[in-house]
Full PDB file with SEQRES, HELIX, SHEET, SSBOND, CRYST1, ORIGX, SCALE, CONECT and MASTER records, all heavy atoms in Angstrom:
SEQRES   1 A   40  LYS LEU ALA THR VAL THR ARG GLU SER GLN TRP ILE THR          
SEQRES   2 A   40  SER GLU VAL ALA ARG GLU ARG SER LEU ASP LEU ARG GLU          
SEQRES   3 A   40  GLN ALA ASP ALA ILE MET VAL GLY ALA GLY THR VAL LEU          
SEQRES   4 A   40  ALA                                                          
HELIX    1 AA1 GLU A   15  GLN A   27  1                                  13    
HELIX    2 AA2 ALA A   35  LEU A   39  1                                   5    
CRYST1    1.000    1.000    1.000  90.00  90.00  90.00 P 1           1          
ORIGX1      1.000000  0.000000  0.000000        0.00000                         
ORIGX2      0.000000  1.000000  0.000000        0.00000                         
ORIGX3      0.000000  0.000000  1.000000        0.00000                         
SCALE1      1.000000  0.000000  0.000000        0.00000                         
SCALE2      0.000000  1.000000  0.000000        0.00000                         
SCALE3      0.000000  0.000000  1.000000        0.00000                         
ATOM      1  N   LYS A   1     -64.537  30.540-194.129  1.00  0.00           N  
ATOM      2  CA  LYS A   1     -63.825  30.865-195.385  1.00  0.00           C  
ATOM      3  C   LYS A   1     -62.367  30.535-195.261  1.00  0.00           C  
ATOM      4  O   LYS A   1     -61.710  30.772-194.271  1.00  0.00           O  
ATOM      5  CB  LYS A   1     -63.984  32.330-195.708  1.00  0.00           C  
ATOM      6  CG  LYS A   1     -65.470  32.802-195.801  1.00  0.00           C  
ATOM      7  CD  LYS A   1     -66.200  32.060-196.886  1.00  0.00           C  
ATOM      8  CE  LYS A   1     -67.608  32.598-197.020  1.00  0.00           C  
ATOM      9  NZ  LYS A   1     -68.386  31.898-198.076  1.00  0.00           N  
ATOM     10  N   LEU A   2     -61.814  29.975-196.384  1.00  0.00           N  
ATOM     11  CA  LEU A   2     -60.398  29.653-196.474  1.00  0.00           C  
ATOM     12  C   LEU A   2     -59.571  30.822-196.989  1.00  0.00           C  
ATOM     13  O   LEU A   2     -58.315  30.802-196.903  1.00  0.00           O  
ATOM     14  CB  LEU A   2     -60.176  28.425-197.321  1.00  0.00           C  
ATOM     15  CG  LEU A   2     -60.941  27.118-196.972  1.00  0.00           C  
ATOM     16  CD1 LEU A   2     -60.582  26.039-197.961  1.00  0.00           C  
ATOM     17  CD2 LEU A   2     -60.625  26.699-195.580  1.00  0.00           C  
ATOM     18  N   ALA A   3     -60.262  31.790-197.528  1.00  0.00           N  
ATOM     19  CA  ALA A   3     -59.606  32.976-198.132  1.00  0.00           C  
ATOM     20  C   ALA A   3     -60.651  34.032-198.358  1.00  0.00           C  
ATOM     21  O   ALA A   3     -61.881  33.755-198.242  1.00  0.00           O  
ATOM     22  CB  ALA A   3     -58.875  32.655-199.423  1.00  0.00           C  
ATOM     23  N   THR A   4     -60.221  35.211-198.730  1.00  0.00           N  
ATOM     24  CA  THR A   4     -61.166  36.250-199.069  1.00  0.00           C  
ATOM     25  C   THR A   4     -61.662  36.046-200.508  1.00  0.00           C  
ATOM     26  O   THR A   4     -61.222  35.140-201.198  1.00  0.00           O  
ATOM     27  CB  THR A   4     -60.503  37.657-198.994  1.00  0.00           C  
ATOM     28  OG1 THR A   4     -59.489  37.776-199.981  1.00  0.00           O  
ATOM     29  CG2 THR A   4     -59.888  37.875-197.602  1.00  0.00           C  
ATOM     30  N   VAL A   5     -62.550  36.898-200.984  1.00  0.00           N  
ATOM     31  CA  VAL A   5     -63.036  36.781-202.349  1.00  0.00           C  
ATOM     32  C   VAL A   5     -61.943  37.024-203.402  1.00  0.00           C  
ATOM     33  O   VAL A   5     -62.036  36.581-204.512  1.00  0.00           O  
ATOM     34  CB  VAL A   5     -64.183  37.790-202.628  1.00  0.00           C  
ATOM     35  CG1 VAL A   5     -65.451  37.405-201.850  1.00  0.00           C  
ATOM     36  CG2 VAL A   5     -63.791  39.212-202.286  1.00  0.00           C  
ATOM     37  N   THR A   6     -60.856  37.724-202.996  1.00  0.00           N  
ATOM     38  CA  THR A   6     -59.706  37.920-203.858  1.00  0.00           C  
ATOM     39  C   THR A   6     -58.690  36.820-203.700  1.00  0.00           C  
ATOM     40  O   THR A   6     -57.577  36.907-204.243  1.00  0.00           O  
ATOM     41  CB  THR A   6     -59.051  39.297-203.587  1.00  0.00           C  
ATOM     42  OG1 THR A   6     -58.577  39.339-202.268  1.00  0.00           O  
ATOM     43  CG2 THR A   6     -60.036  40.425-203.835  1.00  0.00           C  
ATOM     44  N   ARG A   7     -59.028  35.801-202.921  1.00  0.00           N  
ATOM     45  CA  ARG A   7     -58.146  34.587-202.700  1.00  0.00           C  
ATOM     46  C   ARG A   7     -56.944  34.929-201.809  1.00  0.00           C  
ATOM     47  O   ARG A   7     -55.934  34.194-201.825  1.00  0.00           O  
ATOM     48  CB  ARG A   7     -57.693  33.939-203.989  1.00  0.00           C  
ATOM     49  CG  ARG A   7     -58.841  33.431-204.877  1.00  0.00           C  
ATOM     50  CD  ARG A   7     -59.735  32.508-204.124  1.00  0.00           C  
ATOM     51  NE  ARG A   7     -60.686  31.792-204.963  1.00  0.00           N  
ATOM     52  CZ  ARG A   7     -61.956  32.194-205.184  1.00  0.00           C  
ATOM     53  NH1 ARG A   7     -62.374  33.369-204.648  1.00  0.00           N  
ATOM     54  NH2 ARG A   7     -62.740  31.487-205.952  1.00  0.00           N  
ATOM     55  N   GLU A   8     -57.041  35.971-200.997  1.00  0.00           N  
ATOM     56  CA  GLU A   8     -55.974  36.233-200.042  1.00  0.00           C  
ATOM     57  C   GLU A   8     -56.196  35.343-198.804  1.00  0.00           C  
ATOM     58  O   GLU A   8     -57.237  35.341-198.205  1.00  0.00           O  
ATOM     59  CB  GLU A   8     -56.005  37.706-199.620  1.00  0.00           C  
ATOM     60  CG  GLU A   8     -54.909  38.041-198.626  1.00  0.00           C  
ATOM     61  CD  GLU A   8     -54.992  39.512-198.119  1.00  0.00           C  
ATOM     62  OE1 GLU A   8     -55.815  40.259-198.657  1.00  0.00           O  
ATOM     63  OE2 GLU A   8     -54.207  39.841-197.268  1.00  0.00           O  
ATOM     64  N   SER A   9     -55.145  34.552-198.429  1.00  0.00           N  
ATOM     65  CA  SER A   9     -55.265  33.657-197.309  1.00  0.00           C  
ATOM     66  C   SER A   9     -54.075  33.690-196.340  1.00  0.00           C  
ATOM     67  O   SER A   9     -54.111  32.989-195.320  1.00  0.00           O  
ATOM     68  CB  SER A   9     -55.394  32.188-197.857  1.00  0.00           C  
ATOM     69  OG  SER A   9     -54.275  31.837-198.582  1.00  0.00           O  
ATOM     70  N   GLN A  10     -53.032  34.437-196.650  1.00  0.00           N  
ATOM     71  CA  GLN A  10     -51.862  34.502-195.768  1.00  0.00           C  
ATOM     72  C   GLN A  10     -51.849  35.868-195.008  1.00  0.00           C  
ATOM     73  O   GLN A  10     -51.690  36.898-195.660  1.00  0.00           O  
ATOM     74  CB  GLN A  10     -50.586  34.381-196.567  1.00  0.00           C  
ATOM     75  CG  GLN A  10     -50.442  32.972-197.263  1.00  0.00           C  
ATOM     76  CD  GLN A  10     -49.180  32.842-198.024  1.00  0.00           C  
ATOM     77  OE1 GLN A  10     -48.520  33.831-198.369  1.00  0.00           O  
ATOM     78  NE2 GLN A  10     -48.810  31.625-198.380  1.00  0.00           N  
ATOM     79  N   TRP A  11     -52.031  35.856-193.692  1.00  0.00           N  
ATOM     80  CA  TRP A  11     -52.261  34.627-192.874  1.00  0.00           C  
ATOM     81  C   TRP A  11     -53.584  34.787-192.176  1.00  0.00           C  
ATOM     82  O   TRP A  11     -53.816  35.823-191.561  1.00  0.00           O  
ATOM     83  CB  TRP A  11     -51.121  34.391-191.906  1.00  0.00           C  
ATOM     84  CG  TRP A  11     -49.816  34.179-192.583  1.00  0.00           C  
ATOM     85  CD1 TRP A  11     -48.806  35.076-192.730  1.00  0.00           C  
ATOM     86  CD2 TRP A  11     -49.370  32.968-193.189  1.00  0.00           C  
ATOM     87  NE1 TRP A  11     -47.760  34.488-193.391  1.00  0.00           N  
ATOM     88  CE2 TRP A  11     -48.062  33.210-193.660  1.00  0.00           C  
ATOM     89  CE3 TRP A  11     -49.925  31.682-193.333  1.00  0.00           C  
ATOM     90  CZ2 TRP A  11     -47.319  32.239-194.322  1.00  0.00           C  
ATOM     91  CZ3 TRP A  11     -49.185  30.727-193.980  1.00  0.00           C  
ATOM     92  CH2 TRP A  11     -47.884  30.999-194.440  1.00  0.00           C  
ATOM     93  N   ILE A  12     -54.437  33.746-192.235  1.00  0.00           N  
ATOM     94  CA  ILE A  12     -55.700  33.812-191.548  1.00  0.00           C  
ATOM     95  C   ILE A  12     -55.533  33.594-190.031  1.00  0.00           C  
ATOM     96  O   ILE A  12     -56.118  34.283-189.218  1.00  0.00           O  
ATOM     97  CB  ILE A  12     -56.688  32.722-192.109  1.00  0.00           C  
ATOM     98  CG1 ILE A  12     -57.234  33.192-193.513  1.00  0.00           C  
ATOM     99  CG2 ILE A  12     -57.863  32.507-191.178  1.00  0.00           C  
ATOM    100  CD1 ILE A  12     -58.071  32.189-194.193  1.00  0.00           C  
ATOM    101  N   THR A  13     -54.710  32.611-189.698  1.00  0.00           N  
ATOM    102  CA  THR A  13     -54.530  32.247-188.304  1.00  0.00           C  
ATOM    103  C   THR A  13     -53.229  32.847-187.723  1.00  0.00           C  
ATOM    104  O   THR A  13     -52.362  33.371-188.496  1.00  0.00           O  
ATOM    105  CB  THR A  13     -54.501  30.735-188.138  1.00  0.00           C  
ATOM    106  OG1 THR A  13     -53.488  30.164-188.981  1.00  0.00           O  
ATOM    107  CG2 THR A  13     -55.852  30.128-188.480  1.00  0.00           C  
ATOM    108  N   SER A  14     -53.074  32.680-186.420  1.00  0.00           N  
ATOM    109  CA  SER A  14     -51.898  33.248-185.742  1.00  0.00           C  
ATOM    110  C   SER A  14     -50.650  32.378-185.947  1.00  0.00           C  
ATOM    111  O   SER A  14     -50.703  31.263-186.457  1.00  0.00           O  
ATOM    112  CB  SER A  14     -52.206  33.315-184.215  1.00  0.00           C  
ATOM    113  OG  SER A  14     -52.308  31.971-183.714  1.00  0.00           O  
ATOM    114  N   GLU A  15     -49.504  32.971-185.560  1.00  0.00           N  
ATOM    115  CA  GLU A  15     -48.216  32.231-185.730  1.00  0.00           C  
ATOM    116  C   GLU A  15     -48.199  30.978-184.858  1.00  0.00           C  
ATOM    117  O   GLU A  15     -47.661  29.942-185.285  1.00  0.00           O  
ATOM    118  CB  GLU A  15     -47.107  33.157-185.323  1.00  0.00           C  
ATOM    119  CG  GLU A  15     -45.719  32.518-185.553  1.00  0.00           C  
ATOM    120  CD  GLU A  15     -44.613  33.497-185.262  1.00  0.00           C  
ATOM    121  OE1 GLU A  15     -44.849  34.683-185.091  1.00  0.00           O  
ATOM    122  OE2 GLU A  15     -43.398  33.014-185.201  1.00  0.00           O  
ATOM    123  N   VAL A  16     -48.835  31.023-183.720  1.00  0.00           N  
ATOM    124  CA  VAL A  16     -48.915  29.846-182.840  1.00  0.00           C  
ATOM    125  C   VAL A  16     -49.674  28.756-183.524  1.00  0.00           C  
ATOM    126  O   VAL A  16     -49.235  27.588-183.477  1.00  0.00           O  
ATOM    127  CB  VAL A  16     -49.541  30.219-181.466  1.00  0.00           C  
ATOM    128  CG1 VAL A  16     -49.647  28.953-180.583  1.00  0.00           C  
ATOM    129  CG2 VAL A  16     -48.709  31.272-180.782  1.00  0.00           C  
ATOM    130  N   ALA A  17     -50.749  29.062-184.164  1.00  0.00           N  
ATOM    131  CA  ALA A  17     -51.584  28.054-184.861  1.00  0.00           C  
ATOM    132  C   ALA A  17     -50.815  27.515-186.049  1.00  0.00           C  
ATOM    133  O   ALA A  17     -50.917  26.322-186.341  1.00  0.00           O  
ATOM    134  CB  ALA A  17     -52.905  28.686-185.298  1.00  0.00           C  
ATOM    135  N   ARG A  18     -50.085  28.382-186.717  1.00  0.00           N  
ATOM    136  CA  ARG A  18     -49.352  27.894-187.884  1.00  0.00           C  
ATOM    137  C   ARG A  18     -48.205  26.921-187.428  1.00  0.00           C  
ATOM    138  O   ARG A  18     -47.911  25.972-188.131  1.00  0.00           O  
ATOM    139  CB  ARG A  18     -48.710  29.080-188.659  1.00  0.00           C  
ATOM    140  CG  ARG A  18     -49.764  29.963-189.288  1.00  0.00           C  
ATOM    141  CD  ARG A  18     -49.190  30.876-190.379  1.00  0.00           C  
ATOM    142  NE  ARG A  18     -48.225  31.800-189.883  1.00  0.00           N  
ATOM    143  CZ  ARG A  18     -48.472  32.977-189.387  1.00  0.00           C  
ATOM    144  NH1 ARG A  18     -49.755  33.373-189.302  1.00  0.00           N  
ATOM    145  NH2 ARG A  18     -47.519  33.805-188.999  1.00  0.00           N  
ATOM    146  N   GLU A  19     -47.651  27.153-186.259  1.00  0.00           N  
ATOM    147  CA  GLU A  19     -46.623  26.283-185.708  1.00  0.00           C  
ATOM    148  C   GLU A  19     -47.280  24.910-185.428  1.00  0.00           C  
ATOM    149  O   GLU A  19     -46.677  23.842-185.714  1.00  0.00           O  
ATOM    150  CB  GLU A  19     -46.060  26.833-184.468  1.00  0.00           C  
ATOM    151  CG  GLU A  19     -44.890  26.052-183.882  1.00  0.00           C  
ATOM    152  CD  GLU A  19     -43.557  26.460-184.450  1.00  0.00           C  
ATOM    153  OE1 GLU A  19     -43.500  27.280-185.316  1.00  0.00           O  
ATOM    154  OE2 GLU A  19     -42.555  25.891-183.973  1.00  0.00           O  
ATOM    155  N   ARG A  20     -48.454  24.884-184.856  1.00  0.00           N  
ATOM    156  CA  ARG A  20     -49.133  23.632-184.578  1.00  0.00           C  
ATOM    157  C   ARG A  20     -49.472  22.934-185.902  1.00  0.00           C  
ATOM    158  O   ARG A  20     -49.392  21.669-186.019  1.00  0.00           O  
ATOM    159  CB  ARG A  20     -50.442  23.876-183.795  1.00  0.00           C  
ATOM    160  CG  ARG A  20     -51.171  22.607-183.388  1.00  0.00           C  
ATOM    161  CD  ARG A  20     -50.460  21.775-182.378  1.00  0.00           C  
ATOM    162  NE  ARG A  20     -50.471  22.405-181.100  1.00  0.00           N  
ATOM    163  CZ  ARG A  20     -51.398  22.286-180.163  1.00  0.00           C  
ATOM    164  NH1 ARG A  20     -52.445  21.449-180.407  1.00  0.00           N  
ATOM    165  NH2 ARG A  20     -51.362  22.892-179.010  1.00  0.00           N  
ATOM    166  N   SER A  21     -49.834  23.672-186.926  1.00  0.00           N  
ATOM    167  CA  SER A  21     -50.149  23.134-188.218  1.00  0.00           C  
ATOM    168  C   SER A  21     -48.914  22.455-188.849  1.00  0.00           C  
ATOM    169  O   SER A  21     -48.956  21.363-189.414  1.00  0.00           O  
ATOM    170  CB  SER A  21     -50.655  24.216-189.168  1.00  0.00           C  
ATOM    171  OG  SER A  21     -50.847  23.742-190.454  1.00  0.00           O  
ATOM    172  N   LEU A  22     -47.761  23.120-188.706  1.00  0.00           N  
ATOM    173  CA  LEU A  22     -46.522  22.560-189.195  1.00  0.00           C  
ATOM    174  C   LEU A  22     -46.152  21.272-188.483  1.00  0.00           C  
ATOM    175  O   LEU A  22     -45.564  20.340-189.068  1.00  0.00           O  
ATOM    176  CB  LEU A  22     -45.365  23.591-189.083  1.00  0.00           C  
ATOM    177  CG  LEU A  22     -45.431  24.765-190.049  1.00  0.00           C  
ATOM    178  CD1 LEU A  22     -44.323  25.743-189.684  1.00  0.00           C  
ATOM    179  CD2 LEU A  22     -45.248  24.313-191.494  1.00  0.00           C  
ATOM    180  N   ASP A  23     -46.529  21.140-187.190  1.00  0.00           N  
ATOM    181  CA  ASP A  23     -46.283  19.923-186.446  1.00  0.00           C  
ATOM    182  C   ASP A  23     -47.032  18.736-187.054  1.00  0.00           C  
ATOM    183  O   ASP A  23     -46.554  17.616-187.032  1.00  0.00           O  
ATOM    184  CB  ASP A  23     -46.715  20.114-185.002  1.00  0.00           C  
ATOM    185  CG  ASP A  23     -46.280  18.935-184.145  1.00  0.00           C  
ATOM    186  OD1 ASP A  23     -45.083  18.807-183.825  1.00  0.00           O  
ATOM    187  OD2 ASP A  23     -47.199  18.114-183.803  1.00  0.00           O  
ATOM    188  N   LEU A  24     -48.211  18.986-187.635  1.00  0.00           N  
ATOM    189  CA  LEU A  24     -48.959  17.921-188.272  1.00  0.00           C  
ATOM    190  C   LEU A  24     -48.196  17.382-189.501  1.00  0.00           C  
ATOM    191  O   LEU A  24     -48.210  16.162-189.801  1.00  0.00           O  
ATOM    192  CB  LEU A  24     -50.317  18.424-188.742  1.00  0.00           C  
ATOM    193  CG  LEU A  24     -51.288  18.780-187.601  1.00  0.00           C  
ATOM    194  CD1 LEU A  24     -52.582  19.438-188.173  1.00  0.00           C  
ATOM    195  CD2 LEU A  24     -51.640  17.582-186.776  1.00  0.00           C  
ATOM    196  N   ARG A  25     -47.458  18.249-190.190  1.00  0.00           N  
ATOM    197  CA  ARG A  25     -46.673  17.823-191.296  1.00  0.00           C  
ATOM    198  C   ARG A  25     -45.528  16.860-190.837  1.00  0.00           C  
ATOM    199  O   ARG A  25     -45.178  15.944-191.541  1.00  0.00           O  
ATOM    200  CB  ARG A  25     -46.035  18.994-192.061  1.00  0.00           C  
ATOM    201  CG  ARG A  25     -46.997  19.865-192.818  1.00  0.00           C  
ATOM    202  CD  ARG A  25     -46.222  20.908-193.583  1.00  0.00           C  
ATOM    203  NE  ARG A  25     -47.115  21.753-194.338  1.00  0.00           N  
ATOM    204  CZ  ARG A  25     -46.701  22.794-195.105  1.00  0.00           C  
ATOM    205  NH1 ARG A  25     -45.391  22.968-195.229  1.00  0.00           N  
ATOM    206  NH2 ARG A  25     -47.564  23.536-195.734  1.00  0.00           N  
ATOM    207  N   GLU A  26     -44.976  17.142-189.666  1.00  0.00           N  
ATOM    208  CA  GLU A  26     -43.913  16.323-189.168  1.00  0.00           C  
ATOM    209  C   GLU A  26     -44.414  14.911-188.854  1.00  0.00           C  
ATOM    210  O   GLU A  26     -43.620  13.945-188.907  1.00  0.00           O  
ATOM    211  CB  GLU A  26     -43.325  16.968-187.877  1.00  0.00           C  
ATOM    212  CG  GLU A  26     -42.775  18.337-188.039  1.00  0.00           C  
ATOM    213  CD  GLU A  26     -41.411  18.353-188.696  1.00  0.00           C  
ATOM    214  OE1 GLU A  26     -40.671  17.332-188.588  1.00  0.00           O  
ATOM    215  OE2 GLU A  26     -41.038  19.353-189.331  1.00  0.00           O  
ATOM    216  N   GLN A  27     -45.669  14.781-188.505  1.00  0.00           N  
ATOM    217  CA  GLN A  27     -46.225  13.480-188.144  1.00  0.00           C  
ATOM    218  C   GLN A  27     -46.684  12.653-189.297  1.00  0.00           C  
ATOM    219  O   GLN A  27     -46.682  11.423-189.296  1.00  0.00           O  
ATOM    220  CB  GLN A  27     -47.419  13.680-187.186  1.00  0.00           C  
ATOM    221  CG  GLN A  27     -47.064  14.345-185.863  1.00  0.00           C  
ATOM    222  CD  GLN A  27     -48.297  14.559-184.972  1.00  0.00           C  
ATOM    223  OE1 GLN A  27     -49.143  13.677-184.889  1.00  0.00           O  
ATOM    224  NE2 GLN A  27     -48.405  15.716-184.407  1.00  0.00           N  
ATOM    225  N   ALA A  28     -47.138  13.305-190.373  1.00  0.00           N  
ATOM    226  CA  ALA A  28     -47.726  12.587-191.512  1.00  0.00           C  
ATOM    227  C   ALA A  28     -46.632  12.145-192.480  1.00  0.00           C  
ATOM    228  O   ALA A  28     -45.555  12.720-192.580  1.00  0.00           O  
ATOM    229  CB  ALA A  28     -48.718  13.502-192.248  1.00  0.00           C  
ATOM    230  N   ASP A  29     -46.950  11.064-193.252  1.00  0.00           N  
ATOM    231  CA  ASP A  29     -46.006  10.582-194.265  1.00  0.00           C  
ATOM    232  C   ASP A  29     -46.014  11.428-195.496  1.00  0.00           C  
ATOM    233  O   ASP A  29     -45.002  11.475-196.186  1.00  0.00           O  
ATOM    234  CB  ASP A  29     -46.390   9.135-194.618  1.00  0.00           C  
ATOM    235  CG  ASP A  29     -46.138   8.150-193.512  1.00  0.00           C  
ATOM    236  OD1 ASP A  29     -45.313   8.413-192.643  1.00  0.00           O  
ATOM    237  OD2 ASP A  29     -46.839   7.114-193.498  1.00  0.00           O  
ATOM    238  N   ALA A  30     -47.124  12.097-195.805  1.00  0.00           N  
ATOM    239  CA  ALA A  30     -47.194  12.829-197.050  1.00  0.00           C  
ATOM    240  C   ALA A  30     -48.235  13.943-196.869  1.00  0.00           C  
ATOM    241  O   ALA A  30     -49.148  13.858-196.063  1.00  0.00           O  
ATOM    242  CB  ALA A  30     -47.569  11.991-198.228  1.00  0.00           C  
ATOM    243  N   ILE A  31     -48.090  14.987-197.700  1.00  0.00           N  
ATOM    244  CA  ILE A  31     -49.017  16.085-197.703  1.00  0.00           C  
ATOM    245  C   ILE A  31     -49.603  16.187-199.138  1.00  0.00           C  
ATOM    246  O   ILE A  31     -48.860  16.057-200.090  1.00  0.00           O  
ATOM    247  CB  ILE A  31     -48.358  17.397-197.257  1.00  0.00           C  
ATOM    248  CG1 ILE A  31     -49.334  18.569-197.315  1.00  0.00           C  
ATOM    249  CG2 ILE A  31     -47.136  17.737-198.115  1.00  0.00           C  
ATOM    250  CD1 ILE A  31     -48.794  19.858-196.769  1.00  0.00           C  
ATOM    251  N   MET A  32     -50.898  16.473-199.211  1.00  0.00           N  
ATOM    252  CA  MET A  32     -51.527  16.531-200.525  1.00  0.00           C  
ATOM    253  C   MET A  32     -52.171  17.918-200.727  1.00  0.00           C  
ATOM    254  O   MET A  32     -52.799  18.470-199.782  1.00  0.00           O  
ATOM    255  CB  MET A  32     -52.612  15.442-200.662  1.00  0.00           C  
ATOM    256  CG  MET A  32     -53.444  15.525-201.977  1.00  0.00           C  
ATOM    257  SD  MET A  32     -54.761  14.291-201.980  1.00  0.00           S  
ATOM    258  CE  MET A  32     -53.868  12.851-202.499  1.00  0.00           C  
ATOM    259  N   VAL A  33     -52.052  18.452-201.974  1.00  0.00           N  
ATOM    260  CA  VAL A  33     -52.748  19.655-202.340  1.00  0.00           C  
ATOM    261  C   VAL A  33     -53.319  19.480-203.752  1.00  0.00           C  
ATOM    262  O   VAL A  33     -52.830  18.596-204.500  1.00  0.00           O  
ATOM    263  CB  VAL A  33     -51.842  20.922-202.315  1.00  0.00           C  
ATOM    264  CG1 VAL A  33     -51.433  21.253-200.884  1.00  0.00           C  
ATOM    265  CG2 VAL A  33     -50.643  20.747-203.193  1.00  0.00           C  
ATOM    266  N   GLY A  34     -54.239  20.322-204.083  1.00  0.00           N  
ATOM    267  CA  GLY A  34     -54.801  20.327-205.450  1.00  0.00           C  
ATOM    268  C   GLY A  34     -54.019  21.300-206.328  1.00  0.00           C  
ATOM    269  O   GLY A  34     -53.249  22.138-205.822  1.00  0.00           O  
ATOM    270  N   ALA A  35     -54.251  21.204-207.597  1.00  0.00           N  
ATOM    271  CA  ALA A  35     -53.552  22.055-208.588  1.00  0.00           C  
ATOM    272  C   ALA A  35     -53.891  23.573-208.331  1.00  0.00           C  
ATOM    273  O   ALA A  35     -52.961  24.395-208.537  1.00  0.00           O  
ATOM    274  CB  ALA A  35     -53.970  21.665-210.004  1.00  0.00           C  
ATOM    275  N   GLY A  36     -55.084  23.853-207.888  1.00  0.00           N  
ATOM    276  CA  GLY A  36     -55.436  25.245-207.629  1.00  0.00           C  
ATOM    277  C   GLY A  36     -54.562  25.905-206.581  1.00  0.00           C  
ATOM    278  O   GLY A  36     -54.168  27.054-206.708  1.00  0.00           O  
ATOM    279  N   THR A  37     -54.233  25.147-205.561  1.00  0.00           N  
ATOM    280  CA  THR A  37     -53.329  25.645-204.513  1.00  0.00           C  
ATOM    281  C   THR A  37     -51.925  25.914-205.049  1.00  0.00           C  
ATOM    282  O   THR A  37     -51.287  26.887-204.702  1.00  0.00           O  
ATOM    283  CB  THR A  37     -53.267  24.682-203.338  1.00  0.00           C  
ATOM    284  OG1 THR A  37     -54.570  24.523-202.746  1.00  0.00           O  
ATOM    285  CG2 THR A  37     -52.304  25.083-202.248  1.00  0.00           C  
ATOM    286  N   VAL A  38     -51.444  25.020-205.884  1.00  0.00           N  
ATOM    287  CA  VAL A  38     -50.114  25.216-206.478  1.00  0.00           C  
ATOM    288  C   VAL A  38     -50.098  26.435-207.374  1.00  0.00           C  
ATOM    289  O   VAL A  38     -49.192  27.251-207.323  1.00  0.00           O  
ATOM    290  CB  VAL A  38     -49.727  23.942-207.300  1.00  0.00           C  
ATOM    291  CG1 VAL A  38     -48.375  24.165-207.979  1.00  0.00           C  
ATOM    292  CG2 VAL A  38     -49.677  22.726-206.389  1.00  0.00           C  
ATOM    293  N   LEU A  39     -51.139  26.629-208.187  1.00  0.00           N  
ATOM    294  CA  LEU A  39     -51.213  27.754-209.103  1.00  0.00           C  
ATOM    295  C   LEU A  39     -51.343  29.065-208.299  1.00  0.00           C  
ATOM    296  O   LEU A  39     -50.722  30.096-208.634  1.00  0.00           O  
ATOM    297  CB  LEU A  39     -52.414  27.597-210.041  1.00  0.00           C  
ATOM    298  CG  LEU A  39     -52.244  26.521-211.096  1.00  0.00           C  
ATOM    299  CD1 LEU A  39     -53.602  26.294-211.838  1.00  0.00           C  
ATOM    300  CD2 LEU A  39     -51.161  26.868-212.091  1.00  0.00           C  
ATOM    301  N   ALA A  40     -52.123  29.065-207.243  1.00  0.00           N  
ATOM    302  CA  ALA A  40     -52.410  30.288-206.486  1.00  0.00           C  
ATOM    303  C   ALA A  40     -51.262  30.710-205.563  1.00  0.00           C  
ATOM    304  O   ALA A  40     -50.903  31.889-205.426  1.00  0.00           O  
ATOM    305  CB  ALA A  40     -53.683  30.140-205.714  1.00  0.00           C  
TER     306      ALA A  40                                                      
MASTER        0    0    0    2    0    0    0    6  305    1    0    4          
END                                                                             
């Protein structure tokens, strides 16, 4: 699951994992999300 049934998702993973996730942003040219993520 990416979130609970109430759409709560912050934070599923640990701070260390979130740091590694942010590192992926540093490597990529662009990041994409859908409108649902922007609205939520």
